[in-house]
Amino acid sequence: MLITSDSTADAVVVITGRVVPGTAYTAVTPANANSAPPNPGPNYLGIINLATGNITAPTVSGVIVQPKGLLFLPAD
């Protein structure tokens, strides 16, 4: 289970579903980058490829979340 804060919805959101062991999930916040462009895209949930460092957005369904932070809690 992943828990995130969504600053655009002023909410705490629980993300459920299959969390793959060994996968590095992250909250991507383009506007917080030191070199952010004038009109950065919205925040999104990302997966870090540990071999290349590339970040991709996973396929998700349900409410679109713009995470500001991210916390993992095991299912137990």
PDB file of N, CA and C in Angstrom:
ATOM      1  N   MET A   1       0.846  -1.168   0.000  1.00  0.00           N
ATOM      2  CA  MET A   1       0.000   0.000   0.000  1.00  0.00           C
ATOM      3  C   MET A   1       0.897   1.239   0.000  1.00  0.00           C
ATOM      4  N   LEU A   2       0.542   2.201  -0.833  1.00  0.00           N
ATOM      5  CA  LEU A   2       1.255   3.477  -0.876  1.00  0.00           C
ATOM      6  C   LEU A   2       0.324   4.559  -0.339  1.00  0.00           C
ATOM      7  N   ILE A   3       0.857   5.450   0.455  1.00  0.00           N
ATOM      8  CA  ILE A   3       0.081   6.570   0.992  1.00  0.00           C
ATOM      9  C   ILE A   3       0.758   7.847   0.529  1.00  0.00           C
ATOM     10  N   THR A   4      -0.039   8.790   0.048  1.00  0.00           N
ATOM     11  CA  THR A   4       0.513  10.039  -0.455  1.00  0.00           C
ATOM     12  C   THR A   4      -0.344  11.219  -0.015  1.00  0.00           C
ATOM     13  N   SER A   5       0.268  12.369  -0.002  1.00  0.00           N
ATOM     14  CA  SER A   5      -0.489  13.600   0.206  1.00  0.00           C
ATOM     15  C   SER A   5      -0.716  14.216  -1.169  1.00  0.00           C
ATOM     16  N   ASP A   6      -1.923  14.666  -1.413  1.00  0.00           N
ATOM     17  CA  ASP A   6      -2.259  15.306  -2.685  1.00  0.00           C
ATOM     18  C   ASP A   6      -2.582  16.755  -2.380  1.00  0.00           C
ATOM     19  N   SER A   7      -1.624  17.633  -2.646  1.00  0.00           N
ATOM     20  CA  SER A   7      -1.795  19.036  -2.280  1.00  0.00           C
ATOM     21  C   SER A   7      -2.862  19.726  -3.121  1.00  0.00           C
ATOM     22  N   THR A   8      -3.126  19.244  -4.333  1.00  0.00           N
ATOM     23  CA  THR A   8      -4.156  19.889  -5.157  1.00  0.00           C
ATOM     24  C   THR A   8      -5.551  19.563  -4.659  1.00  0.00           C
ATOM     25  N   ALA A   9      -5.710  18.382  -4.005  1.00  0.00           N
ATOM     26  CA  ALA A   9      -7.018  17.984  -3.476  1.00  0.00           C
ATOM     27  C   ALA A   9      -7.096  18.186  -1.966  1.00  0.00           C
ATOM     28  N   ASP A  10      -5.995  18.660  -1.347  1.00  0.00           N
ATOM     29  CA  ASP A  10      -5.936  18.841   0.102  1.00  0.00           C
ATOM     30  C   ASP A  10      -6.393  17.561   0.807  1.00  0.00           C
ATOM     31  N   ALA A  11      -5.737  16.434   0.423  1.00  0.00           N
ATOM     32  CA  ALA A  11      -6.170  15.135   0.924  1.00  0.00           C
ATOM     33  C   ALA A  11      -4.988  14.192   1.113  1.00  0.00           C
ATOM     34  N   VAL A  12      -5.215  13.182   1.938  1.00  0.00           N
ATOM     35  CA  VAL A  12      -4.286  12.067   2.063  1.00  0.00           C
ATOM     36  C   VAL A  12      -4.938  10.916   1.308  1.00  0.00           C
ATOM     37  N   VAL A  13      -4.185  10.293   0.393  1.00  0.00           N
ATOM     38  CA  VAL A  13      -4.736   9.283  -0.497  1.00  0.00           C
ATOM     39  C   VAL A  13      -4.022   7.959  -0.284  1.00  0.00           C
ATOM     40  N   VAL A  14      -4.787   6.878  -0.200  1.00  0.00           N
ATOM     41  CA  VAL A  14      -4.237   5.528  -0.106  1.00  0.00           C
ATOM     42  C   VAL A  14      -4.309   4.909  -1.499  1.00  0.00           C
ATOM     43  N   ILE A  15      -3.154   4.470  -2.000  1.00  0.00           N
ATOM     44  CA  ILE A  15      -3.075   3.823  -3.304  1.00  0.00           C
ATOM     45  C   ILE A  15      -2.937   2.328  -3.063  1.00  0.00           C
ATOM     46  N   THR A  16      -3.881   1.576  -3.573  1.00  0.00           N
ATOM     47  CA  THR A  16      -3.862   0.127  -3.378  1.00  0.00           C
ATOM     48  C   THR A  16      -3.636  -0.569  -4.712  1.00  0.00           C
ATOM     49  N   GLY A  17      -3.355  -1.827  -4.635  1.00  0.00           N
ATOM     50  CA  GLY A  17      -3.111  -2.609  -5.838  1.00  0.00           C
ATOM     51  C   GLY A  17      -1.822  -3.383  -5.674  1.00  0.00           C
ATOM     52  N   ARG A  18      -1.345  -3.927  -6.755  1.00  0.00           N
ATOM     53  CA  ARG A  18      -0.135  -4.739  -6.724  1.00  0.00           C
ATOM     54  C   ARG A  18       1.092  -3.843  -6.646  1.00  0.00           C
ATOM     55  N   VAL A  19       1.832  -3.947  -5.562  1.00  0.00           N
ATOM     56  CA  VAL A  19       3.108  -3.249  -5.407  1.00  0.00           C
ATOM     57  C   VAL A  19       4.188  -4.311  -5.586  1.00  0.00           C
ATOM     58  N   VAL A  20       4.977  -4.162  -6.631  1.00  0.00           N
ATOM     59  CA  VAL A  20       5.967  -5.172  -6.991  1.00  0.00           C
ATOM     60  C   VAL A  20       7.205  -5.032  -6.104  1.00  0.00           C
ATOM     61  N   PRO A  21       7.578  -6.103  -5.372  1.00  0.00           N
ATOM     62  CA  PRO A  21       8.792  -6.034  -4.547  1.00  0.00           C
ATOM     63  C   PRO A  21      10.020  -5.679  -5.400  1.00  0.00           C
ATOM     64  N   GLY A  22      10.863  -4.805  -4.873  1.00  0.00           N
ATOM     65  CA  GLY A  22      12.071  -4.395  -5.586  1.00  0.00           C
ATOM     66  C   GLY A  22      11.862  -3.232  -6.535  1.00  0.00           C
ATOM     67  N   THR A  23      10.618  -2.761  -6.663  1.00  0.00           N
ATOM     68  CA  THR A  23      10.327  -1.628  -7.542  1.00  0.00           C
ATOM     69  C   THR A  23      10.427  -0.343  -6.732  1.00  0.00           C
ATOM     70  N   ALA A  24      11.090   0.659  -7.289  1.00  0.00           N
ATOM     71  CA  ALA A  24      11.264   1.940  -6.602  1.00  0.00           C
ATOM     72  C   ALA A  24      10.195   2.926  -7.076  1.00  0.00           C
ATOM     73  N   TYR A  25       9.194   3.139  -6.239  1.00  0.00           N
ATOM     74  CA  TYR A  25       8.130   4.102  -6.546  1.00  0.00           C
ATOM     75  C   TYR A  25       8.541   5.466  -5.996  1.00  0.00           C
ATOM     76  N   THR A  26       8.097   6.528  -6.642  1.00  0.00           N
ATOM     77  CA  THR A  26       8.446   7.875  -6.200  1.00  0.00           C
ATOM     78  C   THR A  26       7.323   8.851  -6.524  1.00  0.00           C
ATOM     79  N   ALA A  27       7.273   9.929  -5.780  1.00  0.00           N
ATOM     80  CA  ALA A  27       6.393  11.049  -6.116  1.00  0.00           C
ATOM     81  C   ALA A  27       7.236  12.005  -6.957  1.00  0.00           C
ATOM     82  N   VAL A  28       6.844  12.223  -8.203  1.00  0.00           N
ATOM     83  CA  VAL A  28       7.581  13.101  -9.107  1.00  0.00           C
ATOM     84  C   VAL A  28       6.971  14.489  -9.004  1.00  0.00           C
ATOM     85  N   THR A  29       7.804  15.476  -8.648  1.00  0.00           N
ATOM     86  CA  THR A  29       7.333  16.851  -8.452  1.00  0.00           C
ATOM     87  C   THR A  29       8.143  17.802  -9.338  1.00  0.00           C
ATOM     88  N   PRO A  30       7.783  17.920 -10.630  1.00  0.00           N
ATOM     89  CA  PRO A  30       8.567  18.725 -11.570  1.00  0.00           C
ATOM     90  C   PRO A  30       8.748  20.181 -11.158  1.00  0.00           C
ATOM     91  N   ALA A  31       7.768  20.781 -10.502  1.00  0.00           N
ATOM     92  CA  ALA A  31       7.868  22.194 -10.137  1.00  0.00           C
ATOM     93  C   ALA A  31       8.875  22.437  -9.019  1.00  0.00           C
ATOM     94  N   ASN A  32       9.267  21.390  -8.287  1.00  0.00           N
ATOM     95  CA  ASN A  32      10.215  21.551  -7.194  1.00  0.00           C
ATOM     96  C   ASN A  32      11.664  21.373  -7.628  1.00  0.00           C
ATOM     97  N   ALA A  33      11.894  21.103  -8.909  1.00  0.00           N
ATOM     98  CA  ALA A  33      13.256  20.919  -9.403  1.00  0.00           C
ATOM     99  C   ALA A  33      13.990  22.259  -9.429  1.00  0.00           C
ATOM    100  N   ASN A  34      15.298  22.234  -9.173  1.00  0.00           N
ATOM    101  CA  ASN A  34      16.091  23.462  -9.225  1.00  0.00           C
ATOM    102  C   ASN A  34      16.050  24.103 -10.606  1.00  0.00           C
ATOM    103  N   SER A  35      15.925  23.282 -11.642  1.00  0.00           N
ATOM    104  CA  SER A  35      15.900  23.791 -13.010  1.00  0.00           C
ATOM    105  C   SER A  35      14.506  23.639 -13.621  1.00  0.00           C
ATOM    106  N   ALA A  36      13.470  23.859 -12.826  1.00  0.00           N
ATOM    107  CA  ALA A  36      12.096  23.684 -13.311  1.00  0.00           C
ATOM    108  C   ALA A  36      11.785  24.674 -14.425  1.00  0.00           C
ATOM    109  N   PRO A  37      11.109  24.208 -15.465  1.00  0.00           N
ATOM    110  CA  PRO A  37      10.715  25.120 -16.544  1.00  0.00           C
ATOM    111  C   PRO A  37       9.631  26.082 -16.052  1.00  0.00           C
ATOM    112  N   PRO A  38       9.341  27.138 -16.815  1.00  0.00           N
ATOM    113  CA  PRO A  38       8.333  28.111 -16.382  1.00  0.00           C
ATOM    114  C   PRO A  38       6.956  27.488 -16.126  1.00  0.00           C
ATOM    115  N   ASN A  39       6.553  26.522 -16.911  1.00  0.00           N
ATOM    116  CA  ASN A  39       5.244  25.877 -16.750  1.00  0.00           C
ATOM    117  C   ASN A  39       5.428  24.368 -16.625  1.00  0.00           C
ATOM    118  N   PRO A  40       5.924  23.894 -15.465  1.00  0.00           N
ATOM    119  CA  PRO A  40       6.163  22.455 -15.318  1.00  0.00           C
ATOM    120  C   PRO A  40       4.850  21.675 -15.299  1.00  0.00           C
ATOM    121  N   GLY A  41       4.934  20.409 -15.659  1.00  0.00           N
ATOM    122  CA  GLY A  41       3.750  19.551 -15.629  1.00  0.00           C
ATOM    123  C   GLY A  41       3.327  19.263 -14.208  1.00  0.00           C
ATOM    124  N   PRO A  42       2.186  18.615 -14.045  1.00  0.00           N
ATOM    125  CA  PRO A  42       1.696  18.287 -12.706  1.00  0.00           C
ATOM    126  C   PRO A  42       2.505  17.172 -12.055  1.00  0.00           C
ATOM    127  N   ASN A  43       2.418  17.068 -10.750  1.00  0.00           N
ATOM    128  CA  ASN A  43       3.064  15.963 -10.026  1.00  0.00           C
ATOM    129  C   ASN A  43       2.420  14.647 -10.459  1.00  0.00           C
ATOM    130  N   TYR A  44       3.199  13.553 -10.355  1.00  0.00           N
ATOM    131  CA  TYR A  44       2.643  12.247 -10.696  1.00  0.00           C
ATOM    132  C   TYR A  44       3.410  11.150  -9.977  1.00  0.00           C
ATOM    133  N   LEU A  45       2.779   9.981  -9.911  1.00  0.00           N
ATOM    134  CA  LEU A  45       3.409   8.798  -9.348  1.00  0.00           C
ATOM    135  C   LEU A  45       4.356   8.239 -10.393  1.00  0.00           C
ATOM    136  N   GLY A  46       5.577   7.892  -9.985  1.00  0.00           N
ATOM    137  CA  GLY A  46       6.545   7.369 -10.941  1.00  0.00           C
ATOM    138  C   GLY A  46       7.229   6.114 -10.442  1.00  0.00           C
ATOM    139  N   ILE A  47       7.836   5.398 -11.369  1.00  0.00           N
ATOM    140  CA  ILE A  47       8.658   4.225 -11.063  1.00  0.00           C
ATOM    141  C   ILE A  47      10.056   4.515 -11.581  1.00  0.00           C
ATOM    142  N   ILE A  48      11.046   4.342 -10.701  1.00  0.00           N
ATOM    143  CA  ILE A  48      12.442   4.592 -11.076  1.00  0.00           C
ATOM    144  C   ILE A  48      13.054   3.305 -11.607  1.00  0.00           C
ATOM    145  N   ASN A  49      13.633   3.360 -12.798  1.00  0.00           N
ATOM    146  CA  ASN A  49      14.395   2.239 -13.331  1.00  0.00           C
ATOM    147  C   ASN A  49      15.762   2.303 -12.658  1.00  0.00           C
ATOM    148  N   LEU A  50      16.062   1.351 -11.797  1.00  0.00           N
ATOM    149  CA  LEU A  50      17.291   1.389 -11.004  1.00  0.00           C
ATOM    150  C   LEU A  50      18.549   1.167 -11.837  1.00  0.00           C
ATOM    151  N   ALA A  51      18.405   0.661 -13.053  1.00  0.00           N
ATOM    152  CA  ALA A  51      19.564   0.463 -13.928  1.00  0.00           C
ATOM    153  C   ALA A  51      19.920   1.734 -14.691  1.00  0.00           C
ATOM    154  N   THR A  52      18.897   2.538 -15.055  1.00  0.00           N
ATOM    155  CA  THR A  52      19.148   3.717 -15.881  1.00  0.00           C
ATOM    156  C   THR A  52      18.873   5.044 -15.172  1.00  0.00           C
ATOM    157  N   GLY A  53      18.061   5.001 -14.124  1.00  0.00           N
ATOM    158  CA  GLY A  53      17.667   6.232 -13.443  1.00  0.00           C
ATOM    159  C   GLY A  53      16.462   6.907 -14.074  1.00  0.00           C
ATOM    160  N   ASN A  54      15.964   6.353 -15.187  1.00  0.00           N
ATOM    161  CA  ASN A  54      14.786   6.931 -15.838  1.00  0.00           C
ATOM    162  C   ASN A  54      13.545   6.710 -14.990  1.00  0.00           C
ATOM    163  N   ILE A  55      12.631   7.667 -15.048  1.00  0.00           N
ATOM    164  CA  ILE A  55      11.369   7.581 -14.306  1.00  0.00           C
ATOM    165  C   ILE A  55      10.235   7.507 -15.315  1.00  0.00           C
ATOM    166  N   THR A  56       9.329   6.544 -15.107  1.00  0.00           N
ATOM    167  CA  THR A  56       8.150   6.419 -15.949  1.00  0.00           C
ATOM    168  C   THR A  56       6.909   6.387 -15.060  1.00  0.00           C
ATOM    169  N   ALA A  57       5.794   6.780 -15.628  1.00  0.00           N
ATOM    170  CA  ALA A  57       4.525   6.744 -14.899  1.00  0.00           C
ATOM    171  C   ALA A  57       3.894   5.369 -15.097  1.00  0.00           C
ATOM    172  N   PRO A  58       3.481   4.700 -14.007  1.00  0.00           N
ATOM    173  CA  PRO A  58       2.829   3.399 -14.164  1.00  0.00           C
ATOM    174  C   PRO A  58       1.404   3.572 -14.678  1.00  0.00           C
ATOM    175  N   THR A  59       0.860   2.512 -15.237  1.00  0.00           N
ATOM    176  CA  THR A  59      -0.537   2.519 -15.652  1.00  0.00           C
ATOM    177  C   THR A  59      -1.407   2.371 -14.405  1.00  0.00           C
ATOM    178  N   VAL A  60      -2.288   3.314 -14.199  1.00  0.00           N
ATOM    179  CA  VAL A  60      -3.153   3.300 -13.018  1.00  0.00           C
ATOM    180  C   VAL A  60      -4.598   3.528 -13.450  1.00  0.00           C
ATOM    181  N   SER A  61      -5.522   3.199 -12.562  1.00  0.00           N
ATOM    182  CA  SER A  61      -6.933   3.491 -12.814  1.00  0.00           C
ATOM    183  C   SER A  61      -7.500   4.163 -11.569  1.00  0.00           C
ATOM    184  N   GLY A  62      -8.598   4.843 -11.745  1.00  0.00           N
ATOM    185  CA  GLY A  62      -9.213   5.536 -10.620  1.00  0.00           C
ATOM    186  C   GLY A  62      -8.908   7.018 -10.647  1.00  0.00           C
ATOM    187  N   VAL A  63      -8.953   7.617  -9.493  1.00  0.00           N
ATOM    188  CA  VAL A  63      -8.747   9.061  -9.350  1.00  0.00           C
ATOM    189  C   VAL A  63      -7.299   9.418  -9.680  1.00  0.00           C
ATOM    190  N   ILE A  64      -7.098  10.481 -10.428  1.00  0.00           N
ATOM    191  CA  ILE A  64      -5.750  10.953 -10.732  1.00  0.00           C
ATOM    192  C   ILE A  64      -5.215  11.676  -9.504  1.00  0.00           C
ATOM    193  N   VAL A  65      -4.044  11.260  -9.045  1.00  0.00           N
ATOM    194  CA  VAL A  65      -3.428  11.814  -7.845  1.00  0.00           C
ATOM    195  C   VAL A  65      -2.199  12.614  -8.244  1.00  0.00           C
ATOM    196  N   GLN A  66      -2.003  13.759  -7.615  1.00  0.00           N
ATOM    197  CA  GLN A  66      -0.798  14.555  -7.820  1.00  0.00           C
ATOM    198  C   GLN A  66      -0.013  14.537  -6.509  1.00  0.00           C
ATOM    199  N   PRO A  67       0.802  13.484  -6.294  1.00  0.00           N
ATOM    200  CA  PRO A  67       1.462  13.296  -5.000  1.00  0.00           C
ATOM    201  C   PRO A  67       2.529  14.340  -4.711  1.00  0.00           C
ATOM    202  N   LYS A  68       2.634  14.685  -3.458  1.00  0.00           N
ATOM    203  CA  LYS A  68       3.688  15.596  -2.990  1.00  0.00           C
ATOM    204  C   LYS A  68       4.744  14.819  -2.213  1.00  0.00           C
ATOM    205  N   GLY A  69       4.356  13.735  -1.596  1.00  0.00           N
ATOM    206  CA  GLY A  69       5.251  12.848  -0.866  1.00  0.00           C
ATOM    207  C   GLY A  69       4.706  11.443  -0.981  1.00  0.00           C
ATOM    208  N   LEU A  70       5.474  10.445  -0.564  1.00  0.00           N
ATOM    209  CA  LEU A  70       5.033   9.068  -0.736  1.00  0.00           C
ATOM    210  C   LEU A  70       5.550   8.209   0.398  1.00  0.00           C
ATOM    211  N   LEU A  71       4.701   7.324   0.907  1.00  0.00           N
ATOM    212  CA  LEU A  71       5.051   6.432   1.985  1.00  0.00           C
ATOM    213  C   LEU A  71       4.576   5.030   1.633  1.00  0.00           C
ATOM    214  N   PHE A  72       5.428   4.026   1.848  1.00  0.00           N
ATOM    215  CA  PHE A  72       5.063   2.625   1.624  1.00  0.00           C
ATOM    216  C   PHE A  72       4.774   1.962   2.956  1.00  0.00           C
ATOM    217  N   LEU A  73       3.661   1.229   3.030  1.00  0.00           N
ATOM    218  CA  LEU A  73       3.334   0.417   4.194  1.00  0.00           C
ATOM    219  C   LEU A  73       3.058  -0.993   3.708  1.00  0.00           C
ATOM    220  N   PRO A  74       3.686  -2.016   4.332  1.00  0.00           N
ATOM    221  CA  PRO A  74       3.391  -3.375   3.919  1.00  0.00           C
ATOM    222  C   PRO A  74       1.941  -3.739   4.233  1.00  0.00           C
ATOM    223  N   ALA A  75       1.421  -4.719   3.523  1.00  0.00           N
ATOM    224  CA  ALA A  75       0.012  -5.100   3.663  1.00  0.00           C
ATOM    225  C   ALA A  75      -0.328  -5.666   5.028  1.00  0.00           C
ATOM    226  N   ASP A  76       0.644  -6.219   5.744  1.00  0.00           N
ATOM    227  CA  ASP A  76       0.353  -6.860   7.031  1.00  0.00           C
ATOM    228  C   ASP A  76      -0.020  -5.878   8.095  1.00  0.00           C
TER     229      ASP A  76
END
